[in-house]
C-alpha cells in the first residue's frame, strides 16, 4: 500500500499505518507553513496585548493611576486578555498577569495576579 505525501504529493511506502508525509523534512515544512499562517494573523494582536501588559507592569509600583496616564503611555483599552469579578463584585480587566480595576471614573488600581484563573465555563 502506498500513501500520498501531504506536503510534496509524492507517493511513498509508509513505515506506519497513519503516515501522512514521505519524510520528516516534508512533515516539518507542512507544519511550519500552516503555523506561519496563524502566526501572521495573531502576531499584531499579541504585540498590542504584550505592550498593554508591559505598560501595566511599569505602573504597578504606583498602584493607582489616572486613566489618561495609561493612554499617554500607549495603552489600548480595546485589547485585553480576560476579565475577573472579585469577591466584592468588582470587575478586574487583565492583560495576561497584570490588570486594572476601576476605582472611580478617572482612577485605576493596577493589579498583579501571578496565578491567573480563567473561567472556562463559556
PDB file of N, CA and C in Angstrom:
ATOM      1  N   UNK A   1       0.841  -1.185   0.000  1.00  0.00           N
ATOM      2  CA  UNK A   1       0.000   0.000   0.000  1.00  0.00           C
ATOM      3  C   UNK A   1       0.886   1.247   0.000  1.00  0.00           C
ATOM      4  N   UNK A   2       0.493   2.254  -0.786  1.00  0.00           N
ATOM      5  CA  UNK A   2       1.247   3.493  -0.866  1.00  0.00           C
ATOM      6  C   UNK A   2       0.366   4.653  -0.429  1.00  0.00           C
ATOM      7  N   UNK A   3       1.009   5.636   0.183  1.00  0.00           N
ATOM      8  CA  UNK A   3       0.325   6.866   0.594  1.00  0.00           C
ATOM      9  C   UNK A   3       0.839   8.018  -0.246  1.00  0.00           C
ATOM     10  N   UNK A   4       0.086   9.116  -0.225  1.00  0.00           N
ATOM     11  CA  UNK A   4       0.495  10.331  -0.928  1.00  0.00           C
ATOM     12  C   UNK A   4       0.873  11.381   0.118  1.00  0.00           C
ATOM     13  N   UNK A   5       2.070  11.923  -0.004  1.00  0.00           N
ATOM     14  CA  UNK A   5       2.582  12.909   0.957  1.00  0.00           C
ATOM     15  C   UNK A   5       1.735  14.185   0.928  1.00  0.00           C
ATOM     16  N   UNK A   6       1.342  14.669   2.115  1.00  0.00           N
ATOM     17  CA  UNK A   6       0.532  15.894   2.219  1.00  0.00           C
ATOM     18  C   UNK A   6       1.313  17.145   1.814  1.00  0.00           C
ATOM     19  N   UNK A   7       2.636  17.078   1.850  1.00  0.00           N
ATOM     20  CA  UNK A   7       3.464  18.233   1.520  1.00  0.00           C
ATOM     21  C   UNK A   7       3.851  18.260   0.040  1.00  0.00           C
ATOM     22  N   UNK A   8       4.484  17.193  -0.435  1.00  0.00           N
ATOM     23  CA  UNK A   8       5.033  17.212  -1.797  1.00  0.00           C
ATOM     24  C   UNK A   8       4.208  16.409  -2.798  1.00  0.00           C
ATOM     25  N   UNK A   9       3.180  15.713  -2.319  1.00  0.00           N
ATOM     26  CA  UNK A   9       2.280  14.895  -3.148  1.00  0.00           C
ATOM     27  C   UNK A   9       2.945  13.676  -3.774  1.00  0.00           C
ATOM     28  N   UNK A  10       4.133  13.362  -3.361  1.00  0.00           N
ATOM     29  CA  UNK A  10       4.840  12.187  -3.862  1.00  0.00           C
ATOM     30  C   UNK A  10       4.268  10.938  -3.196  1.00  0.00           C
ATOM     31  N   UNK A  11       4.161   9.858  -3.964  1.00  0.00           N
ATOM     32  CA  UNK A  11       3.725   8.591  -3.386  1.00  0.00           C
ATOM     33  C   UNK A  11       4.885   7.974  -2.624  1.00  0.00           C
ATOM     34  N   UNK A  12       4.570   7.371  -1.491  1.00  0.00           N
ATOM     35  CA  UNK A  12       5.611   6.743  -0.675  1.00  0.00           C
ATOM     36  C   UNK A  12       5.050   5.521   0.037  1.00  0.00           C
ATOM     37  N   UNK A  13       5.942   4.620   0.391  1.00  0.00           N
ATOM     38  CA  UNK A  13       5.557   3.434   1.154  1.00  0.00           C
ATOM     39  C   UNK A  13       5.718   3.776   2.635  1.00  0.00           C
ATOM     40  N   UNK A  14       4.615   3.821   3.384  1.00  0.00           N
ATOM     41  CA  UNK A  14       4.681   4.250   4.784  1.00  0.00           C
ATOM     42  C   UNK A  14       5.292   3.183   5.694  1.00  0.00           C
ATOM     43  N   UNK A  15       6.008   3.661   6.703  1.00  0.00           N
ATOM     44  CA  UNK A  15       6.530   2.777   7.744  1.00  0.00           C
ATOM     45  C   UNK A  15       5.474   2.508   8.812  1.00  0.00           C
ATOM     46  N   UNK A  16       4.499   3.410   8.896  1.00  0.00           N
ATOM     47  CA  UNK A  16       3.402   3.279   9.859  1.00  0.00           C
ATOM     48  C   UNK A  16       2.086   3.385   9.108  1.00  0.00           C
ATOM     49  N   UNK A  17       1.033   2.834   9.669  1.00  0.00           N
ATOM     50  CA  UNK A  17      -0.268   2.864   9.006  1.00  0.00           C
ATOM     51  C   UNK A  17      -0.849   4.272   8.893  1.00  0.00           C
ATOM     52  N   UNK A  18      -0.458   5.183   9.812  1.00  0.00           N
ATOM     53  CA  UNK A  18      -1.032   6.533   9.825  1.00  0.00           C
ATOM     54  C   UNK A  18      -0.084   7.598   9.264  1.00  0.00           C
ATOM     55  N   UNK A  19       0.963   7.185   8.542  1.00  0.00           N
ATOM     56  CA  UNK A  19       1.937   8.136   7.999  1.00  0.00           C
ATOM     57  C   UNK A  19       1.276   9.035   6.953  1.00  0.00           C
ATOM     58  N   UNK A  20       1.569  10.344   7.037  1.00  0.00           N
ATOM     59  CA  UNK A  20       1.000  11.330   6.111  1.00  0.00           C
ATOM     60  C   UNK A  20       2.064  12.020   5.268  1.00  0.00           C
ATOM     61  N   UNK A  21       3.310  11.821   5.632  1.00  0.00           N
ATOM     62  CA  UNK A  21       4.410  12.519   4.968  1.00  0.00           C
ATOM     63  C   UNK A  21       5.474  11.507   4.570  1.00  0.00           C
ATOM     64  N   UNK A  22       6.161  11.810   3.479  1.00  0.00           N
ATOM     65  CA  UNK A  22       7.190  10.885   2.992  1.00  0.00           C
ATOM     66  C   UNK A  22       8.488  10.998   3.783  1.00  0.00           C
ATOM     67  N   UNK A  23       8.671  12.124   4.487  1.00  0.00           N
ATOM     68  CA  UNK A  23       9.905  12.323   5.256  1.00  0.00           C
ATOM     69  C   UNK A  23       9.646  13.316   6.385  1.00  0.00           C
ATOM     70  N   UNK A  24      10.589  13.380   7.322  1.00  0.00           N
ATOM     71  CA  UNK A  24      10.462  14.369   8.400  1.00  0.00           C
ATOM     72  C   UNK A  24      10.618  15.785   7.847  1.00  0.00           C
ATOM     73  N   UNK A  25      11.386  15.946   6.782  1.00  0.00           N
ATOM     74  CA  UNK A  25      11.534  17.260   6.140  1.00  0.00           C
ATOM     75  C   UNK A  25      10.183  17.756   5.620  1.00  0.00           C
ATOM     76  N   UNK A  26       9.434  16.869   4.933  1.00  0.00           N
ATOM     77  CA  UNK A  26       8.106  17.248   4.434  1.00  0.00           C
ATOM     78  C   UNK A  26       7.137  17.532   5.581  1.00  0.00           C
ATOM     79  N   UNK A  27       7.206  16.733   6.620  1.00  0.00           N
ATOM     80  CA  UNK A  27       6.339  16.945   7.790  1.00  0.00           C
ATOM     81  C   UNK A  27       6.616  18.313   8.417  1.00  0.00           C
ATOM     82  N   UNK A  28       7.890  18.642   8.605  1.00  0.00           N
ATOM     83  CA  UNK A  28       8.257  19.935   9.191  1.00  0.00           C
ATOM     84  C   UNK A  28       7.854  21.091   8.289  1.00  0.00           C
ATOM     85  N   UNK A  29       8.074  20.955   6.996  1.00  0.00           N
ATOM     86  CA  UNK A  29       7.697  22.016   6.049  1.00  0.00           C
ATOM     87  C   UNK A  29       6.206  22.276   6.074  1.00  0.00           C
ATOM     88  N   UNK A  30       5.426  21.202   6.074  1.00  0.00           N
ATOM     89  CA  UNK A  30       3.966  21.320   6.101  1.00  0.00           C
ATOM     90  C   UNK A  30       3.499  22.026   7.372  1.00  0.00           C
ATOM     91  N   UNK A  31       4.006  21.577   8.515  1.00  0.00           N
ATOM     92  CA  UNK A  31       3.585  22.169   9.790  1.00  0.00           C
ATOM     93  C   UNK A  31       4.070  23.607   9.935  1.00  0.00           C
ATOM     94  N   UNK A  32       5.277  23.904   9.509  1.00  0.00           N
ATOM     95  CA  UNK A  32       5.783  25.283   9.578  1.00  0.00           C
ATOM     96  C   UNK A  32       4.953  26.219   8.707  1.00  0.00           C
ATOM     97  N   UNK A  33       4.568  25.771   7.533  1.00  0.00           N
ATOM     98  CA  UNK A  33       3.757  26.604   6.639  1.00  0.00           C
ATOM     99  C   UNK A  33       2.403  26.912   7.277  1.00  0.00           C
ATOM    100  N   UNK A  34       1.771  25.904   7.859  1.00  0.00           N
ATOM    101  CA  UNK A  34       0.457  26.114   8.478  1.00  0.00           C
ATOM    102  C   UNK A  34       0.545  26.979   9.729  1.00  0.00           C
ATOM    103  N   UNK A  35       1.575  26.795  10.534  1.00  0.00           N
ATOM    104  CA  UNK A  35       1.742  27.634  11.716  1.00  0.00           C
ATOM    105  C   UNK A  35       2.054  29.065  11.324  1.00  0.00           C
ATOM    106  N   UNK A  36       2.752  29.245  10.240  1.00  0.00           N
ATOM    107  CA  UNK A  36       3.120  30.570   9.762  1.00  0.00           C
ATOM    108  C   UNK A  36       1.880  31.400   9.436  1.00  0.00           C
ATOM    109  N   UNK A  37       0.884  30.770   8.839  1.00  0.00           N
ATOM    110  CA  UNK A  37      -0.356  31.485   8.501  1.00  0.00           C
ATOM    111  C   UNK A  37      -1.032  32.018   9.761  1.00  0.00           C
ATOM    112  N   UNK A  38      -1.167  31.166  10.762  1.00  0.00           N
ATOM    113  CA  UNK A  38      -1.807  31.580  12.012  1.00  0.00           C
ATOM    114  C   UNK A  38      -0.969  32.634  12.722  1.00  0.00           C
ATOM    115  N   UNK A  39       0.339  32.480  12.666  1.00  0.00           N
ATOM    116  CA  UNK A  39       1.240  33.424  13.327  1.00  0.00           C
ATOM    117  C   UNK A  39       1.056  34.836  12.765  1.00  0.00           C
ATOM    118  N   UNK A  40       0.944  34.964  11.461  1.00  0.00           N
ATOM    119  CA  UNK A  40       0.797  36.285  10.851  1.00  0.00           C
ATOM    120  C   UNK A  40      -0.546  36.928  11.173  1.00  0.00           C
ATOM    121  N   UNK A  41      -1.529  36.124  11.493  1.00  0.00           N
ATOM    122  CA  UNK A  41      -2.832  36.656  11.889  1.00  0.00           C
ATOM    123  C   UNK A  41      -2.796  37.121  13.351  1.00  0.00           C
ATOM    124  N   UNK A  42      -2.184  36.319  14.226  1.00  0.00           N
ATOM    125  CA  UNK A  42      -2.229  36.605  15.660  1.00  0.00           C
ATOM    126  C   UNK A  42      -1.122  37.535  16.153  1.00  0.00           C
ATOM    127  N   UNK A  43      -0.012  37.643  15.440  1.00  0.00           N
ATOM    128  CA  UNK A  43       1.125  38.424  15.913  1.00  0.00           C
ATOM    129  C   UNK A  43       0.780  39.893  16.175  1.00  0.00           C
ATOM    130  N   UNK A  44       0.110  40.611  15.262  1.00  0.00           N
ATOM    131  CA  UNK A  44      -0.197  42.021  15.547  1.00  0.00           C
ATOM    132  C   UNK A  44      -1.045  42.209  16.806  1.00  0.00           C
ATOM    133  N   UNK A  45      -1.993  41.301  17.031  1.00  0.00           N
ATOM    134  CA  UNK A  45      -2.842  41.391  18.218  1.00  0.00           C
ATOM    135  C   UNK A  45      -2.027  41.086  19.469  1.00  0.00           C
ATOM    136  N   UNK A  46      -1.220  40.049  19.399  1.00  0.00           N
ATOM    137  CA  UNK A  46      -0.410  39.680  20.554  1.00  0.00           C
ATOM    138  C   UNK A  46       0.603  40.774  20.892  1.00  0.00           C
ATOM    139  N   UNK A  47       1.117  41.459  19.881  1.00  0.00           N
ATOM    140  CA  UNK A  47       2.033  42.583  20.130  1.00  0.00           C
ATOM    141  C   UNK A  47       1.349  43.684  20.936  1.00  0.00           C
ATOM    142  N   UNK A  48       0.098  43.990  20.598  1.00  0.00           N
ATOM    143  CA  UNK A  48      -0.664  45.006  21.336  1.00  0.00           C
ATOM    144  C   UNK A  48      -0.909  44.539  22.771  1.00  0.00           C
ATOM    145  N   UNK A  49      -1.290  43.272  22.936  1.00  0.00           N
ATOM    146  CA  UNK A  49      -1.544  42.736  24.275  1.00  0.00           C
ATOM    147  C   UNK A  49      -0.290  42.788  25.138  1.00  0.00           C
ATOM    148  N   UNK A  50       0.856  42.418  24.581  1.00  0.00           N
ATOM    149  CA  UNK A  50       2.106  42.457  25.346  1.00  0.00           C
ATOM    150  C   UNK A  50       2.511  43.887  25.677  1.00  0.00           C
ATOM    151  N   UNK A  51       2.267  44.811  24.750  1.00  0.00           N
ATOM    152  CA  UNK A  51       2.558  46.218  25.039  1.00  0.00           C
ATOM    153  C   UNK A  51       1.682  46.695  26.198  1.00  0.00           C
ATOM    154  N   UNK A  52       0.393  46.368  26.152  1.00  0.00           N
ATOM    155  CA  UNK A  52      -0.521  46.729  27.242  1.00  0.00           C
ATOM    156  C   UNK A  52      -0.057  46.133  28.564  1.00  0.00           C
ATOM    157  N   UNK A  53       0.335  44.859  28.548  1.00  0.00           N
ATOM    158  CA  UNK A  53       0.807  44.196  29.758  1.00  0.00           C
ATOM    159  C   UNK A  53       2.028  44.898  30.324  1.00  0.00           C
ATOM    160  N   UNK A  54       2.956  45.258  29.464  1.00  0.00           N
ATOM    161  CA  UNK A  54       4.179  45.916  29.927  1.00  0.00           C
ATOM    162  C   UNK A  54       3.914  47.324  30.449  1.00  0.00           C
ATOM    163  N   UNK A  55       2.941  47.999  29.883  1.00  0.00           N
ATOM    164  CA  UNK A  55       2.554  49.324  30.397  1.00  0.00           C
ATOM    165  C   UNK A  55       1.972  49.177  31.797  1.00  0.00           C
ATOM    166  N   UNK A  56       1.072  48.213  31.982  1.00  0.00           N
ATOM    167  CA  UNK A  56       0.503  47.977  33.313  1.00  0.00           C
ATOM    168  C   UNK A  56       1.606  47.610  34.300  1.00  0.00           C
ATOM    169  N   UNK A  57       2.527  46.779  33.862  1.00  0.00           N
ATOM    170  CA  UNK A  57       3.648  46.375  34.724  1.00  0.00           C
ATOM    171  C   UNK A  57       4.482  47.589  35.138  1.00  0.00           C
ATOM    172  N   UNK A  58       4.693  48.523  34.215  1.00  0.00           N
ATOM    173  CA  UNK A  58       5.506  49.700  34.531  1.00  0.00           C
ATOM    174  C   UNK A  58       4.828  50.621  35.547  1.00  0.00           C
ATOM    175  N   UNK A  59       3.496  50.572  35.631  1.00  0.00           N
ATOM    176  CA  UNK A  59       2.758  51.399  36.592  1.00  0.00           C
ATOM    177  C   UNK A  59       2.423  50.642  37.878  1.00  0.00           C
ATOM    178  N   UNK A  60       2.823  49.386  37.969  1.00  0.00           N
ATOM    179  CA  UNK A  60       2.421  48.552  39.099  1.00  0.00           C
ATOM    180  C   UNK A  60       2.884  49.100  40.444  1.00  0.00           C
ATOM    181  N   UNK A  61       4.090  49.572  40.549  1.00  0.00           N
ATOM    182  CA  UNK A  61       4.603  50.109  41.825  1.00  0.00           C
ATOM    183  C   UNK A  61       3.787  51.321  42.278  1.00  0.00           C
ATOM    184  N   UNK A  62       3.270  52.077  41.318  1.00  0.00           N
ATOM    185  CA  UNK A  62       2.456  53.247  41.631  1.00  0.00           C
ATOM    186  C   UNK A  62       1.085  52.827  42.164  1.00  0.00           C
ATOM    187  N   UNK A  63       0.606  51.691  41.751  1.00  0.00           N
ATOM    188  CA  UNK A  63      -0.656  51.050  42.115  1.00  0.00           C
ATOM    189  C   UNK A  63      -1.891  51.793  41.628  1.00  0.00           C
ATOM    190  N   UNK A  64      -2.001  53.104  41.904  1.00  0.00           N
ATOM    191  CA  UNK A  64      -3.151  53.842  41.388  1.00  0.00           C
ATOM    192  C   UNK A  64      -2.672  54.798  40.307  1.00  0.00           C
ATOM    193  N   UNK A  65      -3.434  54.855  39.232  1.00  0.00           N
ATOM    194  CA  UNK A  65      -3.018  55.650  38.083  1.00  0.00           C
ATOM    195  C   UNK A  65      -4.238  56.280  37.421  1.00  0.00           C
ATOM    196  N   UNK A  66      -4.069  57.464  36.871  1.00  0.00           N
ATOM    197  CA  UNK A  66      -5.134  58.143  36.130  1.00  0.00           C
ATOM    198  C   UNK A  66      -5.283  57.474  34.770  1.00  0.00           C
ATOM    199  N   UNK A  67      -6.507  57.326  34.288  1.00  0.00           N
ATOM    200  CA  UNK A  67      -6.745  56.637  33.018  1.00  0.00           C
ATOM    201  C   UNK A  67      -5.960  57.271  31.871  1.00  0.00           C
ATOM    202  N   UNK A  68      -5.785  58.596  31.905  1.00  0.00           N
ATOM    203  CA  UNK A  68      -5.051  59.268  30.838  1.00  0.00           C
ATOM    204  C   UNK A  68      -3.558  58.956  30.856  1.00  0.00           C
ATOM    205  N   UNK A  69      -3.015  58.605  32.033  1.00  0.00           N
ATOM    206  CA  UNK A  69      -1.606  58.224  32.093  1.00  0.00           C
ATOM    207  C   UNK A  69      -1.361  56.958  31.283  1.00  0.00           C
ATOM    208  N   UNK A  70      -2.278  56.017  31.381  1.00  0.00           N
ATOM    209  CA  UNK A  70      -2.140  54.792  30.592  1.00  0.00           C
ATOM    210  C   UNK A  70      -2.276  55.089  29.106  1.00  0.00           C
ATOM    211  N   UNK A  71      -3.224  55.954  28.754  1.00  0.00           N
ATOM    212  CA  UNK A  71      -3.396  56.331  27.345  1.00  0.00           C
ATOM    213  C   UNK A  71      -2.142  57.003  26.801  1.00  0.00           C
ATOM    214  N   UNK A  72      -1.567  57.919  27.583  1.00  0.00           N
ATOM    215  CA  UNK A  72      -0.347  58.609  27.136  1.00  0.00           C
ATOM    216  C   UNK A  72       0.810  57.632  26.951  1.00  0.00           C
ATOM    217  N   UNK A  73       0.815  56.580  27.746  1.00  0.00           N
ATOM    218  CA  UNK A  73       1.872  55.566  27.638  1.00  0.00           C
ATOM    219  C   UNK A  73       1.636  54.643  26.437  1.00  0.00           C
ATOM    220  N   UNK A  74       0.458  54.756  25.810  1.00  0.00           N
ATOM    221  CA  UNK A  74       0.156  53.939  24.636  1.00  0.00           C
ATOM    222  C   UNK A  74      -0.748  52.756  24.892  1.00  0.00           C
ATOM    223  N   UNK A  75      -1.365  52.715  26.078  1.00  0.00           N
ATOM    224  CA  UNK A  75      -2.260  51.602  26.412  1.00  0.00           C
ATOM    225  C   UNK A  75      -3.490  51.646  25.506  1.00  0.00           C
ATOM    226  N   UNK A  76      -3.848  50.496  24.936  1.00  0.00           N
ATOM    227  CA  UNK A  76      -5.019  50.383  24.078  1.00  0.00           C
ATOM    228  C   UNK A  76      -6.103  49.625  24.842  1.00  0.00           C
ATOM    229  N   UNK A  77      -7.117  50.341  25.303  1.00  0.00           N
ATOM    230  CA  UNK A  77      -8.182  49.755  26.119  1.00  0.00           C
ATOM    231  C   UNK A  77      -9.046  48.743  25.353  1.00  0.00           C
ATOM    232  N   UNK A  78      -8.908  48.683  24.041  1.00  0.00           N
ATOM    233  CA  UNK A  78      -9.697  47.742  23.239  1.00  0.00           C
ATOM    234  C   UNK A  78      -9.118  46.325  23.261  1.00  0.00           C
ATOM    235  N   UNK A  79      -7.898  46.177  23.786  1.00  0.00           N
ATOM    236  CA  UNK A  79      -7.243  44.869  23.764  1.00  0.00           C
ATOM    237  C   UNK A  79      -6.872  44.429  25.168  1.00  0.00           C
ATOM    238  N   UNK A  80      -7.554  43.408  25.655  1.00  0.00           N
ATOM    239  CA  UNK A  80      -7.271  42.800  26.951  1.00  0.00           C
ATOM    240  C   UNK A  80      -7.415  41.286  26.792  1.00  0.00           C
ATOM    241  N   UNK A  81      -6.884  40.540  27.749  1.00  0.00           N
ATOM    242  CA  UNK A  81      -6.950  39.080  27.619  1.00  0.00           C
ATOM    243  C   UNK A  81      -8.164  38.475  28.318  1.00  0.00           C
ATOM    244  N   UNK A  82      -8.535  39.006  29.479  1.00  0.00           N
ATOM    245  CA  UNK A  82      -9.665  38.435  30.199  1.00  0.00           C
ATOM    246  C   UNK A  82     -10.114  39.382  31.306  1.00  0.00           C
ATOM    247  N   UNK A  83     -11.281  39.077  31.856  1.00  0.00           N
ATOM    248  CA  UNK A  83     -11.817  39.847  32.980  1.00  0.00           C
ATOM    249  C   UNK A  83     -12.114  38.890  34.124  1.00  0.00           C
ATOM    250  N   UNK A  84     -12.112  39.467  35.311  1.00  0.00           N
ATOM    251  CA  UNK A  84     -12.325  38.696  36.522  1.00  0.00           C
ATOM    252  C   UNK A  84     -13.200  39.529  37.445  1.00  0.00           C
ATOM    253  N   UNK A  85     -14.176  38.909  38.071  1.00  0.00           N
ATOM    254  CA  UNK A  85     -15.023  39.582  39.064  1.00  0.00           C
ATOM    255  C   UNK A  85     -14.538  39.108  40.439  1.00  0.00           C
ATOM    256  N   UNK A  86     -14.068  40.064  41.253  1.00  0.00           N
ATOM    257  CA  UNK A  86     -13.524  39.675  42.561  1.00  0.00           C
ATOM    258  C   UNK A  86     -14.638  39.477  43.590  1.00  0.00           C
ATOM    259  N   UNK A  87     -14.231  39.215  44.830  1.00  0.00           N
ATOM    260  CA  UNK A  87     -15.191  38.921  45.903  1.00  0.00           C
ATOM    261  C   UNK A  87     -16.136  40.090  46.176  1.00  0.00           C
ATOM    262  N   UNK A  88     -15.693  41.316  45.930  1.00  0.00           N
ATOM    263  CA  UNK A  88     -16.529  42.499  46.162  1.00  0.00           C
ATOM    264  C   UNK A  88     -17.377  42.834  44.933  1.00  0.00           C
ATOM    265  N   UNK A  89     -17.437  41.906  43.974  1.00  0.00           N
ATOM    266  CA  UNK A  89     -18.207  42.083  42.728  1.00  0.00           C
ATOM    267  C   UNK A  89     -17.665  43.228  41.881  1.00  0.00           C
ATOM    268  N   UNK A  90     -16.369  43.460  41.968  1.00  0.00           N
ATOM    269  CA  UNK A  90     -15.716  44.497  41.182  1.00  0.00           C
ATOM    270  C   UNK A  90     -14.990  43.838  40.015  1.00  0.00           C
ATOM    271  N   UNK A  91     -15.130  44.425  38.843  1.00  0.00           N
ATOM    272  CA  UNK A  91     -14.516  43.883  37.634  1.00  0.00           C
ATOM    273  C   UNK A  91     -13.039  44.265  37.572  1.00  0.00           C
ATOM    274  N   UNK A  92     -12.195  43.274  37.286  1.00  0.00           N
ATOM    275  CA  UNK A  92     -10.766  43.487  37.073  1.00  0.00           C
ATOM    276  C   UNK A  92     -10.469  43.038  35.648  1.00  0.00           C
ATOM    277  N   UNK A  93      -9.880  43.920  34.856  1.00  0.00           N
ATOM    278  CA  UNK A  93      -9.562  43.635  33.458  1.00  0.00           C
ATOM    279  C   UNK A  93      -8.069  43.388  33.331  1.00  0.00           C
ATOM    280  N   UNK A  94      -7.703  42.273  32.677  1.00  0.00           N
ATOM    281  CA  UNK A  94      -6.302  41.862  32.613  1.00  0.00           C
ATOM    282  C   UNK A  94      -5.738  41.869  31.202  1.00  0.00           C
ATOM    283  N   UNK A  95      -4.431  42.064  31.150  1.00  0.00           N
ATOM    284  CA  UNK A  95      -3.590  41.746  30.005  1.00  0.00           C
ATOM    285  C   UNK A  95      -2.575  40.752  30.542  1.00  0.00           C
ATOM    286  N   UNK A  96      -2.873  39.501  30.335  1.00  0.00           N
ATOM    287  CA  UNK A  96      -2.084  38.403  30.898  1.00  0.00           C
ATOM    288  C   UNK A  96      -2.105  38.478  32.422  1.00  0.00           C
ATOM    289  N   UNK A  97      -0.985  38.751  33.084  1.00  0.00           N
ATOM    290  CA  UNK A  97      -0.943  38.685  34.544  1.00  0.00           C
ATOM    291  C   UNK A  97      -1.064  40.037  35.243  1.00  0.00           C
ATOM    292  N   UNK A  98      -1.125  41.132  34.493  1.00  0.00           N
ATOM    293  CA  UNK A  98      -1.328  42.457  35.077  1.00  0.00           C
ATOM    294  C   UNK A  98      -2.684  42.987  34.636  1.00  0.00           C
ATOM    295  N   UNK A  99      -3.352  43.659  35.564  1.00  0.00           N
ATOM    296  CA  UNK A  99      -4.681  44.153  35.254  1.00  0.00           C
ATOM    297  C   UNK A  99      -4.965  45.477  35.924  1.00  0.00           C
ATOM    298  N   UNK A 100      -6.177  45.946  35.714  1.00  0.00           N
ATOM    299  CA  UNK A 100      -6.605  47.188  36.348  1.00  0.00           C
ATOM    300  C   UNK A 100      -8.044  47.061  36.813  1.00  0.00           C
ATOM    301  N   UNK A 101      -8.319  47.806  37.874  1.00  0.00           N
ATOM    302  CA  UNK A 101      -9.650  47.836  38.484  1.00  0.00           C
ATOM    303  C   UNK A 101     -10.057  49.295  38.579  1.00  0.00           C
ATOM    304  N   UNK A 102     -11.279  49.607  38.161  1.00  0.00           N
ATOM    305  CA  UNK A 102     -11.784  50.976  38.198  1.00  0.00           C
ATOM    306  C   UNK A 102     -12.071  51.365  39.644  1.00  0.00           C
ATOM    307  N   UNK A 103     -11.398  52.420  40.122  1.00  0.00           N
ATOM    308  CA  UNK A 103     -11.660  52.938  41.467  1.00  0.00           C
ATOM    309  C   UNK A 103     -12.744  54.002  41.392  1.00  0.00           C
ATOM    310  N   UNK A 104     -12.591  54.928  40.463  1.00  0.00           N
ATOM    311  CA  UNK A 104     -13.627  55.903  40.140  1.00  0.00           C
ATOM    312  C   UNK A 104     -13.518  56.191  38.650  1.00  0.00           C
ATOM    313  N   UNK A 105     -14.223  57.196  38.147  1.00  0.00           N
ATOM    314  CA  UNK A 105     -14.254  57.412  36.698  1.00  0.00           C
ATOM    315  C   UNK A 105     -12.894  57.767  36.099  1.00  0.00           C
ATOM    316  N   UNK A 106     -11.967  58.270  36.916  1.00  0.00           N
ATOM    317  CA  UNK A 106     -10.664  58.685  36.399  1.00  0.00           C
ATOM    318  C   UNK A 106      -9.481  57.887  36.931  1.00  0.00           C
ATOM    319  N   UNK A 107      -9.689  57.052  37.916  1.00  0.00           N
ATOM    320  CA  UNK A 107      -8.572  56.381  38.585  1.00  0.00           C
ATOM    321  C   UNK A 107      -8.701  54.871  38.492  1.00  0.00           C
ATOM    322  N   UNK A 108      -7.562  54.239  38.208  1.00  0.00           N
ATOM    323  CA  UNK A 108      -7.487  52.789  38.132  1.00  0.00           C
ATOM    324  C   UNK A 108      -6.491  52.277  39.153  1.00  0.00           C
ATOM    325  N   UNK A 109      -6.759  51.112  39.673  1.00  0.00           N
ATOM    326  CA  UNK A 109      -5.817  50.431  40.554  1.00  0.00           C
ATOM    327  C   UNK A 109      -5.146  49.339  39.722  1.00  0.00           C
ATOM    328  N   UNK A 110      -3.822  49.315  39.704  1.00  0.00           N
ATOM    329  CA  UNK A 110      -3.075  48.308  38.961  1.00  0.00           C
ATOM    330  C   UNK A 110      -2.907  47.073  39.835  1.00  0.00           C
ATOM    331  N   UNK A 111      -3.155  45.915  39.253  1.00  0.00           N
ATOM    332  CA  UNK A 111      -3.168  44.655  39.992  1.00  0.00           C
ATOM    333  C   UNK A 111      -2.269  43.644  39.288  1.00  0.00           C
ATOM    334  N   UNK A 112      -1.539  42.898  40.094  1.00  0.00           N
ATOM    335  CA  UNK A 112      -0.752  41.780  39.571  1.00  0.00           C
ATOM    336  C   UNK A 112      -1.361  40.489  40.090  1.00  0.00           C
ATOM    337  N   UNK A 113      -1.564  39.558  39.203  1.00  0.00           N
ATOM    338  CA  UNK A 113      -2.128  38.268  39.593  1.00  0.00           C
ATOM    339  C   UNK A 113      -1.245  37.179  39.004  1.00  0.00           C
ATOM    340  N   UNK A 114      -0.282  36.722  39.782  1.00  0.00           N
ATOM    341  CA  UNK A 114       0.676  35.733  39.314  1.00  0.00           C
ATOM    342  C   UNK A 114       0.057  34.404  38.951  1.00  0.00           C
ATOM    343  N   UNK A 115      -1.005  34.029  39.629  1.00  0.00           N
ATOM    344  CA  UNK A 115      -1.681  32.769  39.341  1.00  0.00           C
ATOM    345  C   UNK A 115      -3.044  33.093  38.743  1.00  0.00           C
ATOM    346  N   UNK A 116      -3.083  33.199  37.439  1.00  0.00           N
ATOM    347  CA  UNK A 116      -4.317  33.574  36.748  1.00  0.00           C
ATOM    348  C   UNK A 116      -5.254  32.379  36.694  1.00  0.00           C
ATOM    349  N   UNK A 117      -6.510  32.624  37.052  1.00  0.00           N
ATOM    350  CA  UNK A 117      -7.526  31.590  36.983  1.00  0.00           C
ATOM    351  C   UNK A 117      -8.561  32.059  35.975  1.00  0.00           C
ATOM    352  N   UNK A 118      -8.690  31.297  34.920  1.00  0.00           N
ATOM    353  CA  UNK A 118      -9.632  31.661  33.853  1.00  0.00           C
ATOM    354  C   UNK A 118     -10.827  30.742  33.928  1.00  0.00           C
ATOM    355  N   UNK A 119     -11.997  31.345  33.931  1.00  0.00           N
ATOM    356  CA  UNK A 119     -13.237  30.572  33.936  1.00  0.00           C
ATOM    357  C   UNK A 119     -13.486  30.065  32.521  1.00  0.00           C
ATOM    358  N   UNK A 120     -13.444  28.745  32.344  1.00  0.00           N
ATOM    359  CA  UNK A 120     -13.624  28.164  31.024  1.00  0.00           C
ATOM    360  C   UNK A 120     -15.024  27.603  30.857  1.00  0.00           C
ATOM    361  N   UNK A 121     -15.985  28.142  31.605  1.00  0.00           N
ATOM    362  CA  UNK A 121     -17.346  27.609  31.552  1.00  0.00           C
ATOM    363  C   UNK A 121     -18.133  28.100  30.349  1.00  0.00           C
ATOM    364  N   UNK A 122     -17.600  29.051  29.597  1.00  0.00           N
ATOM    365  CA  UNK A 122     -18.312  29.556  28.430  1.00  0.00           C
ATOM    366  C   UNK A 122     -18.286  28.501  27.380  1.00  0.00           C
TER     367      UNK A 122
END
